[in-house]
Amino acid sequence: MGMYEDDGAVVGARGRSLWEEEPARRRRMPDPVRDSAVRAVLIVAVTLTGATVTFFLMVTGSWLALPMALCAIAGTVVATWGVLDVLITRQMWNQRYGVVSEPSSTARDRRRERRRARRQARPQPGGGGTGRIPRGGGEAPGPRPAAWPPPGADRRYRAS
């Protein structure tokens, strides 16, 4: 076995073991997305191989060049469909299963912090007012102006 033992540890030397697990950098793709990606890669590989063969048949002037060119064109259409299938399947998966709502969400924490900051920026009660909207003390007497004009004020809707 030499200087390595069965478990991968180096005998007589310090350092890393021969086999060391590393965490994955990305999560694994969902099964339907992975299936469509594998299908698209196979279709694109066959299409590129067919296009290469078609090119060499055209260079040599073979009679098979025309049927292979038609197959290469059809393969390009199918390969485009395969790549679009990956994108559509991925988008569909994200729309159905991609939204995770957890109490520890970072967006929720940010909203909570903004609310706290707004509360602290408000004037404190007891400092000359209640901290609320004033109720009619300094306004002119009479009815308040309407937010919207009365229905008869608009010329477009007058009855003839």
Protein backbone atom coordinates (compact mmCIF):
# COMPACT_ATOMS: atom_id res chain seq x y z
CA MET A 1 0.00 0.00 0.00
CA GLY A 2 3.00 2.28 0.37
CA MET A 3 2.79 5.35 2.53
CA TYR A 4 -1.05 5.56 2.55
CA GLU A 5 -3.30 3.49 4.76
CA ASP A 6 -6.79 2.26 3.93
CA ASP A 7 -8.53 5.28 5.44
CA GLY A 8 -6.48 7.71 3.35
CA ALA A 9 -4.33 9.06 6.17
CA VAL A 10 -0.67 9.62 5.39
CA VAL A 11 1.65 7.40 7.44
CA GLY A 12 4.60 9.17 8.94
CA ALA A 13 3.79 12.58 7.48
CA ARG A 14 1.73 15.50 8.72
CA GLY A 15 -0.83 17.16 6.49
CA ARG A 16 -4.17 16.61 4.92
CA SER A 17 -5.62 13.18 4.36
CA LEU A 18 -5.87 11.75 0.89
CA TRP A 19 -9.67 11.99 0.80
CA GLU A 20 -11.30 15.03 2.32
CA GLU A 21 -14.96 15.97 1.99
CA GLU A 22 -15.62 19.54 0.94
CA PRO A 23 -19.00 21.21 1.18
CA ALA A 24 -20.76 21.85 -2.13
CA ARG A 25 -20.49 25.40 -3.42
CA ARG A 26 -24.01 25.36 -4.82
CA ARG A 27 -27.15 23.47 -4.03
CA ARG A 28 -28.11 20.62 -6.30
CA MET A 29 -30.50 21.47 -9.13
CA PRO A 30 -34.07 20.19 -8.77
CA ASP A 31 -34.73 16.89 -10.58
CA PRO A 32 -36.91 18.24 -13.43
CA VAL A 33 -34.42 21.02 -14.17
CA ARG A 34 -31.50 18.58 -14.10
CA ASP A 35 -33.36 16.18 -16.40
CA SER A 36 -34.06 18.89 -18.96
CA ALA A 37 -30.45 20.14 -18.72
CA VAL A 38 -29.05 16.66 -19.40
CA ARG A 39 -31.47 16.25 -22.32
CA ALA A 40 -30.43 19.63 -23.74
CA VAL A 41 -26.71 18.83 -23.46
CA LEU A 42 -27.18 15.52 -25.29
CA ILE A 43 -29.26 17.15 -28.05
CA VAL A 44 -26.73 19.97 -28.50
CA ALA A 45 -23.84 17.47 -28.62
CA VAL A 46 -25.55 15.37 -31.31
CA THR A 47 -26.42 18.52 -33.27
CA LEU A 48 -22.85 19.83 -33.18
CA THR A 49 -21.53 16.44 -34.26
CA GLY A 50 -24.01 16.37 -37.14
CA ALA A 51 -23.06 19.91 -38.17
CA THR A 52 -19.37 18.97 -38.16
CA VAL A 53 -20.03 15.89 -40.31
CA THR A 54 -22.14 18.04 -42.65
CA PHE A 55 -19.30 20.53 -43.02
CA PHE A 56 -16.80 17.82 -43.95
CA LEU A 57 -19.26 16.22 -46.38
CA MET A 58 -19.77 19.60 -48.08
CA VAL A 59 -16.02 20.14 -48.33
CA THR A 60 -15.56 16.75 -49.98
CA GLY A 61 -18.56 17.25 -52.30
CA SER A 62 -20.38 14.11 -51.19
CA TRP A 63 -24.00 13.48 -52.12
CA LEU A 64 -24.79 13.02 -48.40
CA ALA A 65 -24.13 16.71 -47.78
CA LEU A 66 -27.70 17.81 -48.60
CA PRO A 67 -29.54 15.30 -46.37
CA MET A 68 -27.06 15.95 -43.56
CA ALA A 69 -27.50 19.72 -43.95
CA LEU A 70 -31.27 19.29 -43.59
CA CYS A 71 -30.69 17.13 -40.50
CA ALA A 72 -28.33 19.77 -39.09
CA ILE A 73 -30.97 22.48 -39.58
CA ALA A 74 -33.60 20.32 -37.88
CA GLY A 75 -31.14 19.55 -35.10
CA THR A 76 -30.53 23.25 -34.54
CA VAL A 77 -34.26 23.82 -34.10
CA VAL A 78 -34.51 20.90 -31.67
CA ALA A 79 -31.41 22.05 -29.76
CA THR A 80 -32.90 25.53 -29.41
CA TRP A 81 -36.08 23.94 -28.05
CA GLY A 82 -33.97 21.91 -25.58
CA VAL A 83 -32.19 24.97 -24.22
CA LEU A 84 -35.45 26.89 -23.93
CA ASP A 85 -36.93 23.88 -22.13
CA VAL A 86 -34.20 24.17 -19.49
CA LEU A 87 -34.90 27.87 -18.97
CA ILE A 88 -38.68 27.39 -18.81
CA THR A 89 -38.43 24.40 -16.46
CA ARG A 90 -36.08 26.32 -14.18
CA GLN A 91 -38.39 29.35 -14.11
CA MET A 92 -41.42 27.15 -13.45
CA TRP A 93 -39.64 25.41 -10.58
CA ASN A 94 -38.60 28.74 -9.03
CA GLN A 95 -42.14 30.10 -9.29
CA ARG A 96 -43.69 27.01 -7.70
CA TYR A 97 -41.16 26.05 -5.05
CA GLY A 98 -38.57 28.82 -4.90
CA VAL A 99 -40.19 31.23 -2.47
CA VAL A 100 -39.20 30.51 1.09
CA SER A 101 -40.83 32.58 3.79
CA GLU A 102 -39.14 32.18 7.13
CA PRO A 103 -39.23 34.33 10.24
CA SER A 104 -35.47 34.72 9.99
CA SER A 105 -35.67 36.22 6.53
CA THR A 106 -33.19 39.04 5.92
CA ALA A 107 -35.86 41.19 4.28
CA ARG A 108 -38.03 40.91 7.37
CA ASP A 109 -35.10 41.91 9.59
CA ARG A 110 -34.42 44.96 7.44
CA ARG A 111 -38.05 46.06 7.63
CA ARG A 112 -37.98 45.63 11.39
CA GLU A 113 -34.85 47.80 11.62
CA ARG A 114 -36.39 50.51 9.42
CA ARG A 115 -39.52 50.54 11.59
CA ARG A 116 -37.40 50.91 14.72
CA ALA A 117 -35.44 53.78 13.18
CA ARG A 118 -38.66 55.57 12.17
CA ARG A 119 -40.09 55.20 15.65
CA GLN A 120 -36.94 56.66 17.18
CA ALA A 121 -36.94 59.57 14.69
CA ARG A 122 -40.50 60.60 15.62
CA PRO A 123 -40.95 63.42 18.15
CA GLN A 124 -41.49 61.99 21.62
CA PRO A 125 -44.86 62.56 23.34
CA GLY A 126 -44.75 65.18 26.07
CA GLY A 127 -42.39 67.40 24.11
CA GLY A 128 -44.96 70.02 23.15
CA GLY A 129 -47.54 67.78 21.50
CA THR A 130 -49.06 64.36 21.41
CA GLY A 131 -47.08 63.24 18.41
CA ARG A 132 -50.29 62.81 16.42
CA ILE A 133 -52.00 64.75 13.66
CA PRO A 134 -53.68 67.87 15.12
CA ARG A 135 -57.48 67.76 15.21
CA GLY A 136 -59.02 70.99 13.97
CA GLY A 137 -57.56 73.42 16.55
CA GLY A 138 -55.88 75.93 14.22
CA GLU A 139 -57.94 75.43 11.08
CA ALA A 140 -60.42 77.90 9.61
CA PRO A 141 -64.06 77.33 10.59
CA GLY A 142 -66.32 75.65 8.09
CA PRO A 143 -66.22 72.47 6.08
CA ARG A 144 -62.92 71.11 4.92
CA PRO A 145 -62.20 71.21 1.19
CA ALA A 146 -63.04 67.95 -0.58
CA ALA A 147 -60.26 65.74 -1.78
CA TRP A 148 -62.12 65.19 -5.06
CA PRO A 149 -64.19 67.75 -6.96
CA PRO A 150 -67.97 67.25 -6.95
CA PRO A 151 -69.34 65.20 -9.86
CA GLY A 152 -70.91 68.18 -11.62
CA ALA A 153 -67.63 70.11 -11.77
CA ASP A 154 -66.19 68.00 -14.56
CA ARG A 155 -67.36 69.14 -17.99
CA ARG A 156 -66.73 65.78 -19.62
CA TYR A 157 -69.59 64.10 -17.77
CA ARG A 158 -72.32 66.73 -18.08
CA ALA A 159 -75.70 65.55 -19.31
CA SER A 160 -76.86 67.25 -22.49
